[in-house]
Amino acid sequence: MASSELRVFTREELAKYDGGRSALRKARETGEPLDRSQVYSTYISIHGMVYDVTQFLGRHPGGPDEILRYAGKVRCVPLAAQMLALLQA
């Protein structure tokens, strides 16, 4: 993929970047230990654009849980503009 091309995500692909929630759920269901050395990327989609918000988790004014609630999902809310401003800061 050329650097000028944007990656297109399907909803299924986006769902994989849920901040590790699916890995935690799988560990609970199977009884297998969670690999804590693995970095779990956190992506959200706002107004059709996908953002990697992994590095932003600790800086969100509402705390990481506020972002993780929408991780791996499409988010379209009135406050999206405020979140975009914070992401670009």
C-alpha atoms as a PDB file:
ATOM      1  CA  MET A   1       0.000   0.000   0.000  1.00  0.00           C
ATOM      2  CA  ALA A   2       1.424   3.363  -1.014  1.00  0.00           C
ATOM      3  CA  SER A   3       1.911   5.923   1.738  1.00  0.00           C
ATOM      4  CA  SER A   4      -0.694   8.186   0.121  1.00  0.00           C
ATOM      5  CA  GLU A   5      -3.385   5.502   0.264  1.00  0.00           C
ATOM      6  CA  LEU A   6      -5.681   5.232   3.264  1.00  0.00           C
ATOM      7  CA  ARG A   7      -6.478   1.832   4.689  1.00  0.00           C
ATOM      8  CA  VAL A   8     -10.132   0.874   4.515  1.00  0.00           C
ATOM      9  CA  PHE A   9     -11.494  -1.052   7.503  1.00  0.00           C
ATOM     10  CA  THR A  10     -14.521  -3.306   7.528  1.00  0.00           C
ATOM     11  CA  ARG A  11     -16.542  -3.380  10.748  1.00  0.00           C
ATOM     12  CA  GLU A  12     -15.116  -6.845  11.417  1.00  0.00           C
ATOM     13  CA  GLU A  13     -11.531  -5.583  11.068  1.00  0.00           C
ATOM     14  CA  LEU A  14     -12.215  -2.570  13.256  1.00  0.00           C
ATOM     15  CA  ALA A  15     -13.670  -4.844  15.951  1.00  0.00           C
ATOM     16  CA  LYS A  16     -10.245  -6.507  16.350  1.00  0.00           C
ATOM     17  CA  TYR A  17      -8.797  -3.249  17.702  1.00  0.00           C
ATOM     18  CA  ASP A  18     -10.856  -3.131  20.868  1.00  0.00           C
ATOM     19  CA  GLY A  19      -8.087  -2.425  23.358  1.00  0.00           C
ATOM     20  CA  GLY A  20      -7.776  -6.094  24.320  1.00  0.00           C
ATOM     21  CA  ARG A  21     -11.364  -6.559  25.490  1.00  0.00           C
ATOM     22  CA  SER A  22     -11.921  -9.520  23.144  1.00  0.00           C
ATOM     23  CA  ALA A  23      -8.649 -11.126  24.280  1.00  0.00           C
ATOM     24  CA  LEU A  24      -9.700 -10.706  27.912  1.00  0.00           C
ATOM     25  CA  ARG A  25     -13.126 -12.171  27.168  1.00  0.00           C
ATOM     26  CA  LYS A  26     -11.498 -15.161  25.407  1.00  0.00           C
ATOM     27  CA  ALA A  27      -9.140 -15.742  28.352  1.00  0.00           C
ATOM     28  CA  ARG A  28     -12.084 -15.754  30.742  1.00  0.00           C
ATOM     29  CA  GLU A  29     -14.075 -18.171  28.586  1.00  0.00           C
ATOM     30  CA  THR A  30     -11.221 -20.620  27.943  1.00  0.00           C
ATOM     31  CA  GLY A  31      -9.355 -20.278  31.226  1.00  0.00           C
ATOM     32  CA  GLU A  32      -6.129 -19.594  29.320  1.00  0.00           C
ATOM     33  CA  PRO A  33      -3.894 -16.870  30.736  1.00  0.00           C
ATOM     34  CA  LEU A  34      -3.972 -13.468  29.088  1.00  0.00           C
ATOM     35  CA  ASP A  35      -0.719 -12.598  27.333  1.00  0.00           C
ATOM     36  CA  ARG A  36      -0.006  -9.302  29.077  1.00  0.00           C
ATOM     37  CA  SER A  37       3.161  -8.747  27.050  1.00  0.00           C
ATOM     38  CA  GLN A  38       1.049  -8.210  23.944  1.00  0.00           C
ATOM     39  CA  VAL A  39       0.158  -4.617  23.149  1.00  0.00           C
ATOM     40  CA  TYR A  40      -3.531  -4.275  22.425  1.00  0.00           C
ATOM     41  CA  SER A  41      -4.198  -1.507  19.936  1.00  0.00           C
ATOM     42  CA  THR A  42      -7.268   0.614  20.456  1.00  0.00           C
ATOM     43  CA  TYR A  43      -8.997   2.037  17.382  1.00  0.00           C
ATOM     44  CA  ILE A  44     -12.276   3.903  17.089  1.00  0.00           C
ATOM     45  CA  SER A  45     -14.152   5.206  14.088  1.00  0.00           C
ATOM     46  CA  ILE A  46     -15.551   8.736  14.113  1.00  0.00           C
ATOM     47  CA  HIS A  47     -17.466  10.086  11.141  1.00  0.00           C
ATOM     48  CA  GLY A  48     -16.071   7.446   8.807  1.00  0.00           C
ATOM     49  CA  MET A  49     -12.416   7.873   9.780  1.00  0.00           C
ATOM     50  CA  VAL A  50     -10.553   5.307  11.907  1.00  0.00           C
ATOM     51  CA  TYR A  51      -8.199   6.584  14.601  1.00  0.00           C
ATOM     52  CA  ASP A  52      -5.561   4.703  16.590  1.00  0.00           C
ATOM     53  CA  VAL A  53      -6.208   6.057  20.096  1.00  0.00           C
ATOM     54  CA  THR A  54      -3.908   3.648  21.952  1.00  0.00           C
ATOM     55  CA  GLN A  55      -1.477   6.397  23.040  1.00  0.00           C
ATOM     56  CA  PHE A  56      -4.379   8.671  24.009  1.00  0.00           C
ATOM     57  CA  LEU A  57      -5.929   6.320  26.589  1.00  0.00           C
ATOM     58  CA  GLY A  58      -4.030   7.819  29.516  1.00  0.00           C
ATOM     59  CA  ARG A  59      -4.696  11.403  28.421  1.00  0.00           C
ATOM     60  CA  HIS A  60      -8.461  11.270  27.946  1.00  0.00           C
ATOM     61  CA  PRO A  61     -10.148  13.655  30.420  1.00  0.00           C
ATOM     62  CA  GLY A  62     -12.825  11.050  31.221  1.00  0.00           C
ATOM     63  CA  GLY A  63     -10.267   8.281  31.736  1.00  0.00           C
ATOM     64  CA  PRO A  64      -9.454   5.244  29.581  1.00  0.00           C
ATOM     65  CA  ASP A  65     -12.787   3.534  30.216  1.00  0.00           C
ATOM     66  CA  GLU A  66     -14.540   6.297  28.311  1.00  0.00           C
ATOM     67  CA  ILE A  67     -12.565   5.393  25.181  1.00  0.00           C
ATOM     68  CA  LEU A  68     -12.543   1.632  25.737  1.00  0.00           C
ATOM     69  CA  ARG A  69     -16.345   1.678  25.752  1.00  0.00           C
ATOM     70  CA  TYR A  70     -16.183   2.562  22.037  1.00  0.00           C
ATOM     71  CA  ALA A  71     -12.972   0.725  21.102  1.00  0.00           C
ATOM     72  CA  GLY A  72     -13.329  -1.352  17.971  1.00  0.00           C
ATOM     73  CA  LYS A  73     -16.677   0.272  17.187  1.00  0.00           C
ATOM     74  CA  VAL A  74     -18.096   3.061  15.087  1.00  0.00           C
ATOM     75  CA  ARG A  75     -18.745   6.143  17.195  1.00  0.00           C
ATOM     76  CA  CYS A  76     -20.982   8.924  15.980  1.00  0.00           C
ATOM     77  CA  VAL A  77     -21.974  11.300  18.752  1.00  0.00           C
ATOM     78  CA  PRO A  78     -22.168  15.076  19.155  1.00  0.00           C
ATOM     79  CA  LEU A  79     -18.964  15.091  21.226  1.00  0.00           C
ATOM     80  CA  ALA A  80     -16.947  13.510  18.402  1.00  0.00           C
ATOM     81  CA  ALA A  81     -15.650  16.930  17.328  1.00  0.00           C
ATOM     82  CA  GLN A  82     -14.222  17.517  20.798  1.00  0.00           C
ATOM     83  CA  MET A  83     -12.528  14.117  20.760  1.00  0.00           C
ATOM     84  CA  LEU A  84     -11.045  14.835  17.332  1.00  0.00           C
ATOM     85  CA  ALA A  85      -9.596  18.091  18.635  1.00  0.00           C
ATOM     86  CA  LEU A  86      -7.979  16.252  21.551  1.00  0.00           C
ATOM     87  CA  LEU A  87      -6.587  13.556  19.260  1.00  0.00           C
ATOM     88  CA  GLN A  88      -4.963  16.143  17.010  1.00  0.00           C
ATOM     89  CA  ALA A  89      -3.456  18.097  19.923  1.00  0.00           C
END
